[in-house]
Amino acid sequence: MEAVVIGLAIPVAITISHARAASAGVTGGVLAVVAVVLAAIAGRALPRWVLVAGSVLQVLVIATGVVVPVMYALGVIFTGLWATAIWLGRRYQVP
């Protein structure tokens, strides 16, 4: 879902914030692809670096609020979901 939200923020950045189409497309595209790749890796196994990379991704998504202000709120929401997923994963981890 986060990748979809990031993708939908691209035309908003271009239209509302007058960002360059190439910059918005590349930045949003890279963030969306990284979100999908990390979700796929986290779904199979959970190396520690995935938790770090996912946390960095959350910070970057919040940082896109500089261009599209609603991304501040959406980034915080997804960060909360990310933290909850980590907490639940550790709480119910099978030994």
PDB file of N, CA and C in Angstrom:
ATOM      1  N   MET A   1       0.824  -1.197   0.000  1.00  0.00           N
ATOM      2  CA  MET A   1       0.000   0.000   0.000  1.00  0.00           C
ATOM      3  C   MET A   1       0.869   1.262   0.000  1.00  0.00           C
ATOM      4  N   GLU A   2       1.964   1.206   0.695  1.00  0.00           N
ATOM      5  CA  GLU A   2       2.825   2.389   0.744  1.00  0.00           C
ATOM      6  C   GLU A   2       3.365   2.728  -0.640  1.00  0.00           C
ATOM      7  N   ALA A   3       3.693   1.718  -1.416  1.00  0.00           N
ATOM      8  CA  ALA A   3       4.189   1.961  -2.774  1.00  0.00           C
ATOM      9  C   ALA A   3       3.126   2.643  -3.627  1.00  0.00           C
ATOM     10  N   VAL A   4       1.872   2.272  -3.451  1.00  0.00           N
ATOM     11  CA  VAL A   4       0.778   2.905  -4.188  1.00  0.00           C
ATOM     12  C   VAL A   4       0.649   4.371  -3.788  1.00  0.00           C
ATOM     13  N   VAL A   5       0.721   4.642  -2.494  1.00  0.00           N
ATOM     14  CA  VAL A   5       0.628   6.026  -2.016  1.00  0.00           C
ATOM     15  C   VAL A   5       1.786   6.861  -2.550  1.00  0.00           C
ATOM     16  N   ILE A   6       2.973   6.293  -2.543  1.00  0.00           N
ATOM     17  CA  ILE A   6       4.135   7.008  -3.080  1.00  0.00           C
ATOM     18  C   ILE A   6       3.932   7.294  -4.564  1.00  0.00           C
ATOM     19  N   GLY A   7       3.463   6.297  -5.292  1.00  0.00           N
ATOM     20  CA  GLY A   7       3.208   6.485  -6.718  1.00  0.00           C
ATOM     21  C   GLY A   7       2.166   7.556  -6.994  1.00  0.00           C
ATOM     22  N   LEU A   8       1.135   7.589  -6.177  1.00  0.00           N
ATOM     23  CA  LEU A   8       0.095   8.601  -6.355  1.00  0.00           C
ATOM     24  C   LEU A   8       0.566   9.999  -5.969  1.00  0.00           C
ATOM     25  N   ALA A   9       1.623  10.089  -5.197  1.00  0.00           N
ATOM     26  CA  ALA A   9       2.162  11.402  -4.822  1.00  0.00           C
ATOM     27  C   ALA A   9       2.962  12.036  -5.958  1.00  0.00           C
ATOM     28  N   ILE A  10       3.378  11.238  -6.931  1.00  0.00           N
ATOM     29  CA  ILE A  10       4.180  11.775  -8.039  1.00  0.00           C
ATOM     30  C   ILE A  10       3.410  12.824  -8.838  1.00  0.00           C
ATOM     31  N   PRO A  11       2.205  12.529  -9.340  1.00  0.00           N
ATOM     32  CA  PRO A  11       1.490  13.576 -10.080  1.00  0.00           C
ATOM     33  C   PRO A  11       1.111  14.775  -9.214  1.00  0.00           C
ATOM     34  N   VAL A  12       0.917  14.537  -7.929  1.00  0.00           N
ATOM     35  CA  VAL A  12       0.631  15.659  -7.022  1.00  0.00           C
ATOM     36  C   VAL A  12       1.847  16.570  -6.930  1.00  0.00           C
ATOM     37  N   ALA A  13       3.024  15.979  -6.817  1.00  0.00           N
ATOM     38  CA  ALA A  13       4.249  16.778  -6.755  1.00  0.00           C
ATOM     39  C   ALA A  13       4.435  17.594  -8.024  1.00  0.00           C
ATOM     40  N   ILE A  14       4.099  17.014  -9.161  1.00  0.00           N
ATOM     41  CA  ILE A  14       4.267  17.709 -10.439  1.00  0.00           C
ATOM     42  C   ILE A  14       3.231  18.823 -10.584  1.00  0.00           C
ATOM     43  N   THR A  15       1.985  18.524 -10.259  1.00  0.00           N
ATOM     44  CA  THR A  15       0.892  19.464 -10.490  1.00  0.00           C
ATOM     45  C   THR A  15       0.827  20.554  -9.431  1.00  0.00           C
ATOM     46  N   ILE A  16       0.799  20.175  -8.193  1.00  0.00           N
ATOM     47  CA  ILE A  16       0.596  21.133  -7.104  1.00  0.00           C
ATOM     48  C   ILE A  16       1.893  21.855  -6.735  1.00  0.00           C
ATOM     49  N   SER A  17       2.975  21.085  -6.596  1.00  0.00           N
ATOM     50  CA  SER A  17       4.239  21.673  -6.132  1.00  0.00           C
ATOM     51  C   SER A  17       5.144  22.117  -7.271  1.00  0.00           C
ATOM     52  N   HIS A  18       4.727  21.877  -8.505  1.00  0.00           N
ATOM     53  CA  HIS A  18       5.494  22.275  -9.689  1.00  0.00           C
ATOM     54  C   HIS A  18       6.901  21.692  -9.694  1.00  0.00           C
ATOM     55  N   ALA A  19       7.012  20.458  -9.211  1.00  0.00           N
ATOM     56  CA  ALA A  19       8.296  19.763  -9.260  1.00  0.00           C
ATOM     57  C   ALA A  19       8.549  19.319 -10.691  1.00  0.00           C
ATOM     58  N   ARG A  20       9.796  19.187 -11.038  1.00  0.00           N
ATOM     59  CA  ARG A  20      10.137  18.697 -12.376  1.00  0.00           C
ATOM     60  C   ARG A  20       9.653  17.262 -12.499  1.00  0.00           C
ATOM     61  N   ALA A  21       9.044  16.947 -13.620  1.00  0.00           N
ATOM     62  CA  ALA A  21       8.461  15.622 -13.832  1.00  0.00           C
ATOM     63  C   ALA A  21       9.510  14.516 -13.705  1.00  0.00           C
ATOM     64  N   ALA A  22      10.668  14.736 -14.272  1.00  0.00           N
ATOM     65  CA  ALA A  22      11.718  13.711 -14.220  1.00  0.00           C
ATOM     66  C   ALA A  22      12.169  13.462 -12.788  1.00  0.00           C
ATOM     67  N   SER A  23      12.395  14.533 -12.038  1.00  0.00           N
ATOM     68  CA  SER A  23      12.846  14.392 -10.651  1.00  0.00           C
ATOM     69  C   SER A  23      11.796  13.699  -9.796  1.00  0.00           C
ATOM     70  N   ALA A  24      10.542  14.133  -9.936  1.00  0.00           N
ATOM     71  CA  ALA A  24       9.457  13.530  -9.161  1.00  0.00           C
ATOM     72  C   ALA A  24       9.267  12.067  -9.538  1.00  0.00           C
ATOM     73  N   GLY A  25       9.333  11.771 -10.821  1.00  0.00           N
ATOM     74  CA  GLY A  25       9.149  10.396 -11.280  1.00  0.00           C
ATOM     75  C   GLY A  25      10.245   9.462 -10.814  1.00  0.00           C
ATOM     76  N   VAL A  26      11.483   9.918 -10.927  1.00  0.00           N
ATOM     77  CA  VAL A  26      12.606   9.075 -10.510  1.00  0.00           C
ATOM     78  C   VAL A  26      12.592   8.876  -8.998  1.00  0.00           C
ATOM     79  N   THR A  27      12.425   9.962  -8.256  1.00  0.00           N
ATOM     80  CA  THR A  27      12.427   9.868  -6.792  1.00  0.00           C
ATOM     81  C   THR A  27      11.274   8.995  -6.298  1.00  0.00           C
ATOM     82  N   GLY A  28      10.078   9.288  -6.776  1.00  0.00           N
ATOM     83  CA  GLY A  28       8.925   8.496  -6.359  1.00  0.00           C
ATOM     84  C   GLY A  28       9.014   7.056  -6.822  1.00  0.00           C
ATOM     85  N   GLY A  29       9.480   6.862  -8.037  1.00  0.00           N
ATOM     86  CA  GLY A  29       9.621   5.509  -8.565  1.00  0.00           C
ATOM     87  C   GLY A  29      10.603   4.670  -7.775  1.00  0.00           C
ATOM     88  N   VAL A  30      11.744   5.266  -7.452  1.00  0.00           N
ATOM     89  CA  VAL A  30      12.752   4.541  -6.671  1.00  0.00           C
ATOM     90  C   VAL A  30      12.203   4.193  -5.286  1.00  0.00           C
ATOM     91  N   LEU A  31      11.566   5.156  -4.623  1.00  0.00           N
ATOM     92  CA  LEU A  31      11.007   4.889  -3.293  1.00  0.00           C
ATOM     93  C   LEU A  31       9.938   3.801  -3.355  1.00  0.00           C
ATOM     94  N   ALA A  32       9.091   3.830  -4.368  1.00  0.00           N
ATOM     95  CA  ALA A  32       8.037   2.821  -4.497  1.00  0.00           C
ATOM     96  C   ALA A  32       8.627   1.432  -4.750  1.00  0.00           C
ATOM     97  N   VAL A  33       9.611   1.354  -5.628  1.00  0.00           N
ATOM     98  CA  VAL A  33      10.243   0.060  -5.914  1.00  0.00           C
ATOM     99  C   VAL A  33      10.948  -0.478  -4.677  1.00  0.00           C
ATOM    100  N   VAL A  34      11.643   0.388  -3.959  1.00  0.00           N
ATOM    101  CA  VAL A  34      12.319  -0.040  -2.731  1.00  0.00           C
ATOM    102  C   VAL A  34      11.302  -0.565  -1.725  1.00  0.00           C
ATOM    103  N   ALA A  35      10.159   0.090  -1.603  1.00  0.00           N
ATOM    104  CA  ALA A  35       9.120  -0.361  -0.677  1.00  0.00           C
ATOM    105  C   ALA A  35       8.633  -1.762  -1.047  1.00  0.00           C
ATOM    106  N   VAL A  36       8.421  -2.006  -2.328  1.00  0.00           N
ATOM    107  CA  VAL A  36       7.947  -3.322  -2.773  1.00  0.00           C
ATOM    108  C   VAL A  36       9.023  -4.388  -2.545  1.00  0.00           C
ATOM    109  N   VAL A  37      10.273  -4.068  -2.880  1.00  0.00           N
ATOM    110  CA  VAL A  37      11.366  -5.036  -2.722  1.00  0.00           C
ATOM    111  C   VAL A  37      11.557  -5.379  -1.244  1.00  0.00           C
ATOM    112  N   LEU A  38      11.546  -4.372  -0.381  1.00  0.00           N
ATOM    113  CA  LEU A  38      11.706  -4.644   1.048  1.00  0.00           C
ATOM    114  C   LEU A  38      10.549  -5.464   1.600  1.00  0.00           C
ATOM    115  N   ALA A  39       9.346  -5.200   1.130  1.00  0.00           N
ATOM    116  CA  ALA A  39       8.191  -5.988   1.578  1.00  0.00           C
ATOM    117  C   ALA A  39       8.335  -7.443   1.138  1.00  0.00           C
ATOM    118  N   ALA A  40       8.827  -7.658  -0.071  1.00  0.00           N
ATOM    119  CA  ALA A  40       9.010  -9.026  -0.565  1.00  0.00           C
ATOM    120  C   ALA A  40      10.076  -9.764   0.238  1.00  0.00           C
ATOM    121  N   ILE A  41      11.159  -9.081   0.545  1.00  0.00           N
ATOM    122  CA  ILE A  41      12.233  -9.712   1.318  1.00  0.00           C
ATOM    123  C   ILE A  41      11.776  -9.974   2.748  1.00  0.00           C
ATOM    124  N   ALA A  42      11.096  -9.023   3.343  1.00  0.00           N
ATOM    125  CA  ALA A  42      10.629  -9.184   4.725  1.00  0.00           C
ATOM    126  C   ALA A  42       9.594 -10.296   4.830  1.00  0.00           C
ATOM    127  N   GLY A  43       8.854 -10.558   3.758  1.00  0.00           N
ATOM    128  CA  GLY A  43       7.854 -11.609   3.777  1.00  0.00           C
ATOM    129  C   GLY A  43       8.442 -13.009   3.758  1.00  0.00           C
ATOM    130  N   ARG A  44       9.656 -13.148   3.271  1.00  0.00           N
ATOM    131  CA  ARG A  44      10.297 -14.468   3.170  1.00  0.00           C
ATOM    132  C   ARG A  44      11.197 -14.756   4.359  1.00  0.00           C
ATOM    133  N   ALA A  45      12.039 -13.838   4.667  1.00  0.00           N
ATOM    134  CA  ALA A  45      12.966 -13.969   5.788  1.00  0.00           C
ATOM    135  C   ALA A  45      13.150 -12.561   6.340  1.00  0.00           C
ATOM    136  N   LEU A  46      13.708 -12.461   7.485  1.00  0.00           N
ATOM    137  CA  LEU A  46      13.851 -11.122   8.056  1.00  0.00           C
ATOM    138  C   LEU A  46      15.281 -10.862   8.503  1.00  0.00           C
ATOM    139  N   PRO A  47      16.168 -10.627   7.525  1.00  0.00           N
ATOM    140  CA  PRO A  47      17.516 -10.218   7.921  1.00  0.00           C
ATOM    141  C   PRO A  47      17.453  -8.857   8.623  1.00  0.00           C
ATOM    142  N   ARG A  48      18.344  -8.621   9.529  1.00  0.00           N
ATOM    143  CA  ARG A  48      18.328  -7.377  10.312  1.00  0.00           C
ATOM    144  C   ARG A  48      18.411  -6.138   9.419  1.00  0.00           C
ATOM    145  N   TRP A  49      19.143  -6.221   8.311  1.00  0.00           N
ATOM    146  CA  TRP A  49      19.308  -5.044   7.457  1.00  0.00           C
ATOM    147  C   TRP A  49      17.980  -4.609   6.841  1.00  0.00           C
ATOM    148  N   VAL A  50      17.024  -5.539   6.710  1.00  0.00           N
ATOM    149  CA  VAL A  50      15.714  -5.170   6.164  1.00  0.00           C
ATOM    150  C   VAL A  50      14.987  -4.225   7.119  1.00  0.00           C
ATOM    151  N   LEU A  51      15.115  -4.472   8.411  1.00  0.00           N
ATOM    152  CA  LEU A  51      14.500  -3.580   9.401  1.00  0.00           C
ATOM    153  C   LEU A  51      15.118  -2.183   9.322  1.00  0.00           C
ATOM    154  N   VAL A  52      16.424  -2.131   9.184  1.00  0.00           N
ATOM    155  CA  VAL A  52      17.115  -0.843   9.077  1.00  0.00           C
ATOM    156  C   VAL A  52      16.730  -0.148   7.774  1.00  0.00           C
ATOM    157  N   ALA A  53      16.750  -0.876   6.672  1.00  0.00           N
ATOM    158  CA  ALA A  53      16.414  -0.282   5.373  1.00  0.00           C
ATOM    159  C   ALA A  53      14.961   0.190   5.351  1.00  0.00           C
ATOM    160  N   GLY A  54      14.065  -0.581   5.936  1.00  0.00           N
ATOM    161  CA  GLY A  54      12.662  -0.175   6.001  1.00  0.00           C
ATOM    162  C   GLY A  54      12.471   1.068   6.851  1.00  0.00           C
ATOM    163  N   SER A  55      13.232   1.169   7.921  1.00  0.00           N
ATOM    164  CA  SER A  55      13.153   2.355   8.773  1.00  0.00           C
ATOM    165  C   SER A  55      13.693   3.586   8.048  1.00  0.00           C
ATOM    166  N   VAL A  56      14.766   3.416   7.303  1.00  0.00           N
ATOM    167  CA  VAL A  56      15.309   4.516   6.494  1.00  0.00           C
ATOM    168  C   VAL A  56      14.287   4.930   5.439  1.00  0.00           C
ATOM    169  N   LEU A  57      13.628   3.950   4.842  1.00  0.00           N
ATOM    170  CA  LEU A  57      12.599   4.255   3.853  1.00  0.00           C
ATOM    171  C   LEU A  57      11.493   5.111   4.473  1.00  0.00           C
ATOM    172  N   GLN A  58      11.093   4.799   5.692  1.00  0.00           N
ATOM    173  CA  GLN A  58      10.043   5.567   6.351  1.00  0.00           C
ATOM    174  C   GLN A  58      10.476   7.025   6.550  1.00  0.00           C
ATOM    175  N   VAL A  59      11.720   7.220   6.920  1.00  0.00           N
ATOM    176  CA  VAL A  59      12.239   8.581   7.089  1.00  0.00           C
ATOM    177  C   VAL A  59      12.234   9.320   5.752  1.00  0.00           C
ATOM    178  N   LEU A  60      12.621   8.637   4.685  1.00  0.00           N
ATOM    179  CA  LEU A  60      12.636   9.260   3.361  1.00  0.00           C
ATOM    180  C   LEU A  60      11.225   9.611   2.887  1.00  0.00           C
ATOM    181  N   VAL A  61      10.265   8.746   3.184  1.00  0.00           N
ATOM    182  CA  VAL A  61       8.882   9.038   2.796  1.00  0.00           C
ATOM    183  C   VAL A  61       8.377  10.263   3.554  1.00  0.00           C
ATOM    184  N   ILE A  62       8.689  10.351   4.839  1.00  0.00           N
ATOM    185  CA  ILE A  62       8.300  11.543   5.600  1.00  0.00           C
ATOM    186  C   ILE A  62       8.987  12.776   5.017  1.00  0.00           C
ATOM    187  N   ALA A  63      10.241  12.636   4.612  1.00  0.00           N
ATOM    188  CA  ALA A  63      10.986  13.766   4.051  1.00  0.00           C
ATOM    189  C   ALA A  63      10.381  14.270   2.742  1.00  0.00           C
ATOM    190  N   THR A  64       9.648  13.426   2.024  1.00  0.00           N
ATOM    191  CA  THR A  64       9.012  13.897   0.793  1.00  0.00           C
ATOM    192  C   THR A  64       7.911  14.909   1.080  1.00  0.00           C
ATOM    193  N   GLY A  65       7.570  15.064   2.347  1.00  0.00           N
ATOM    194  CA  GLY A  65       6.601  16.085   2.741  1.00  0.00           C
ATOM    195  C   GLY A  65       7.075  17.494   2.424  1.00  0.00           C
ATOM    196  N   VAL A  66       8.369  17.658   2.201  1.00  0.00           N
ATOM    197  CA  VAL A  66       8.892  18.964   1.810  1.00  0.00           C
ATOM    198  C   VAL A  66       8.277  19.391   0.477  1.00  0.00           C
ATOM    199  N   VAL A  67       8.055  18.434  -0.406  1.00  0.00           N
ATOM    200  CA  VAL A  67       7.490  18.717  -1.732  1.00  0.00           C
ATOM    201  C   VAL A  67       5.973  18.565  -1.725  1.00  0.00           C
ATOM    202  N   VAL A  68       5.484  17.497  -1.115  1.00  0.00           N
ATOM    203  CA  VAL A  68       4.043  17.226  -1.036  1.00  0.00           C
ATOM    204  C   VAL A  68       3.681  17.151   0.444  1.00  0.00           C
ATOM    205  N   PRO A  69       3.198  18.243   1.033  1.00  0.00           N
ATOM    206  CA  PRO A  69       2.994  18.307   2.480  1.00  0.00           C
ATOM    207  C   PRO A  69       2.136  17.189   3.087  1.00  0.00           C
ATOM    208  N   VAL A  70       1.189  16.655   2.360  1.00  0.00           N
ATOM    209  CA  VAL A  70       0.363  15.577   2.917  1.00  0.00           C
ATOM    210  C   VAL A  70       1.199  14.325   3.193  1.00  0.00           C
ATOM    211  N   MET A  71       2.363  14.215   2.558  1.00  0.00           N
ATOM    212  CA  MET A  71       3.224  13.058   2.788  1.00  0.00           C
ATOM    213  C   MET A  71       3.806  13.054   4.199  1.00  0.00           C
ATOM    214  N   TYR A  72       3.835  14.220   4.868  1.00  0.00           N
ATOM    215  CA  TYR A  72       4.230  14.218   6.279  1.00  0.00           C
ATOM    216  C   TYR A  72       3.287  13.316   7.064  1.00  0.00           C
ATOM    217  N   ALA A  73       2.005  13.546   6.915  1.00  0.00           N
ATOM    218  CA  ALA A  73       1.004  12.768   7.656  1.00  0.00           C
ATOM    219  C   ALA A  73       0.986  11.311   7.201  1.00  0.00           C
ATOM    220  N   LEU A  74       0.996  11.094   5.894  1.00  0.00           N
ATOM    221  CA  LEU A  74       0.973   9.721   5.393  1.00  0.00           C
ATOM    222  C   LEU A  74       2.236   8.962   5.785  1.00  0.00           C
ATOM    223  N   GLY A  75       3.364   9.642   5.770  1.00  0.00           N
ATOM    224  CA  GLY A  75       4.610   9.010   6.199  1.00  0.00           C
ATOM    225  C   GLY A  75       4.574   8.613   7.656  1.00  0.00           C
ATOM    226  N   VAL A  76       3.998   9.465   8.497  1.00  0.00           N
ATOM    227  CA  VAL A  76       3.880   9.141   9.922  1.00  0.00           C
ATOM    228  C   VAL A  76       2.946   7.944  10.110  1.00  0.00           C
ATOM    229  N   ILE A  77       1.856   7.903   9.363  1.00  0.00           N
ATOM    230  CA  ILE A  77       0.932   6.765   9.453  1.00  0.00           C
ATOM    231  C   ILE A  77       1.645   5.466   9.070  1.00  0.00           C
ATOM    232  N   PHE A  78       2.368   5.475   7.952  1.00  0.00           N
ATOM    233  CA  PHE A  78       3.069   4.266   7.528  1.00  0.00           C
ATOM    234  C   PHE A  78       4.219   3.916   8.474  1.00  0.00           C
ATOM    235  N   THR A  79       4.835   4.909   9.086  1.00  0.00           N
ATOM    236  CA  THR A  79       5.867   4.635  10.079  1.00  0.00           C
ATOM    237  C   THR A  79       5.257   3.944  11.292  1.00  0.00           C
ATOM    238  N   GLY A  80       4.078   4.384  11.691  1.00  0.00           N
ATOM    239  CA  GLY A  80       3.381   3.717  12.793  1.00  0.00           C
ATOM    240  C   GLY A  80       3.041   2.279  12.448  1.00  0.00           C
ATOM    241  N   LEU A  81       2.592   2.047  11.228  1.00  0.00           N
ATOM    242  CA  LEU A  81       2.304   0.678  10.788  1.00  0.00           C
ATOM    243  C   LEU A  81       3.574  -0.166  10.751  1.00  0.00           C
ATOM    244  N   TRP A  82       4.669   0.431  10.315  1.00  0.00           N
ATOM    245  CA  TRP A  82       5.963  -0.271  10.259  1.00  0.00           C
ATOM    246  C   TRP A  82       6.404  -0.659  11.668  1.00  0.00           C
ATOM    247  N   ALA A  83       6.324   0.289  12.599  1.00  0.00           N
ATOM    248  CA  ALA A  83       6.728   0.013  13.984  1.00  0.00           C
ATOM    249  C   ALA A  83       5.827  -1.055  14.610  1.00  0.00           C
ATOM    250  N   THR A  84       4.539  -0.994  14.336  1.00  0.00           N
ATOM    251  CA  THR A  84       3.616  -1.995  14.856  1.00  0.00           C
ATOM    252  C   THR A  84       3.927  -3.378  14.288  1.00  0.00           C
ATOM    253  N   ALA A  85       4.243  -3.445  13.013  1.00  0.00           N
ATOM    254  CA  ALA A  85       4.589  -4.726  12.392  1.00  0.00           C
ATOM    255  C   ALA A  85       5.846  -5.316  13.016  1.00  0.00           C
ATOM    256  N   ILE A  86       6.835  -4.471  13.283  1.00  0.00           N
ATOM    257  CA  ILE A  86       8.062  -4.959  13.928  1.00  0.00           C
ATOM    258  C   ILE A  86       7.742  -5.463  15.327  1.00  0.00           C
ATOM    259  N   TRP A  87       6.964  -4.694  16.074  1.00  0.00           N
ATOM    260  CA  TRP A  87       6.600  -5.074  17.440  1.00  0.00           C
ATOM    261  C   TRP A  87       5.830  -6.400  17.456  1.00  0.00           C
ATOM    262  N   LEU A  88       4.829  -6.519  16.586  1.00  0.00           N
ATOM    263  CA  LEU A  88       4.056  -7.755  16.533  1.00  0.00           C
ATOM    264  C   LEU A  88       4.918  -8.943  16.080  1.00  0.00           C
ATOM    265  N   GLY A  89       5.793  -8.699  15.131  1.00  0.00           N
ATOM    266  CA  GLY A  89       6.680  -9.761  14.670  1.00  0.00           C
ATOM    267  C   GLY A  89       7.574 -10.283  15.768  1.00  0.00           C
ATOM    268  N   ARG A  90       8.088  -9.398  16.574  1.00  0.00           N
ATOM    269  CA  ARG A  90       8.951  -9.825  17.678  1.00  0.00           C
ATOM    270  C   ARG A  90       8.153 -10.472  18.806  1.00  0.00           C
ATOM    271  N   ARG A  91       6.945  -9.977  19.023  1.00  0.00           N
ATOM    272  CA  ARG A  91       6.123 -10.504  20.111  1.00  0.00           C
ATOM    273  C   ARG A  91       5.643 -11.927  19.821  1.00  0.00           C
ATOM    274  N   TYR A  92       5.294 -12.191  18.588  1.00  0.00           N
ATOM    275  CA  TYR A  92       4.739 -13.487  18.237  1.00  0.00           C
ATOM    276  C   TYR A  92       5.706 -14.349  17.424  1.00  0.00           C
ATOM    277  N   GLN A  93       6.979 -14.059  17.544  1.00  0.00           N
ATOM    278  CA  GLN A  93       7.980 -14.814  16.816  1.00  0.00           C
ATOM    279  C   GLN A  93       8.047 -16.248  17.340  1.00  0.00           C
ATOM    280  N   VAL A  94       8.061 -17.184  16.405  1.00  0.00           N
ATOM    281  CA  VAL A  94       8.170 -18.591  16.780  1.00  0.00           C
ATOM    282  C   VAL A  94       9.629 -18.902  16.975  1.00  0.00           C
ATOM    283  N   PRO A  95       9.973 -19.514  18.105  1.00  0.00           N
ATOM    284  CA  PRO A  95      11.409 -19.810  18.367  1.00  0.00           C
ATOM    285  C   PRO A  95      11.999 -20.840  17.446  1.00  0.00           C
TER     286      PRO A  95
END
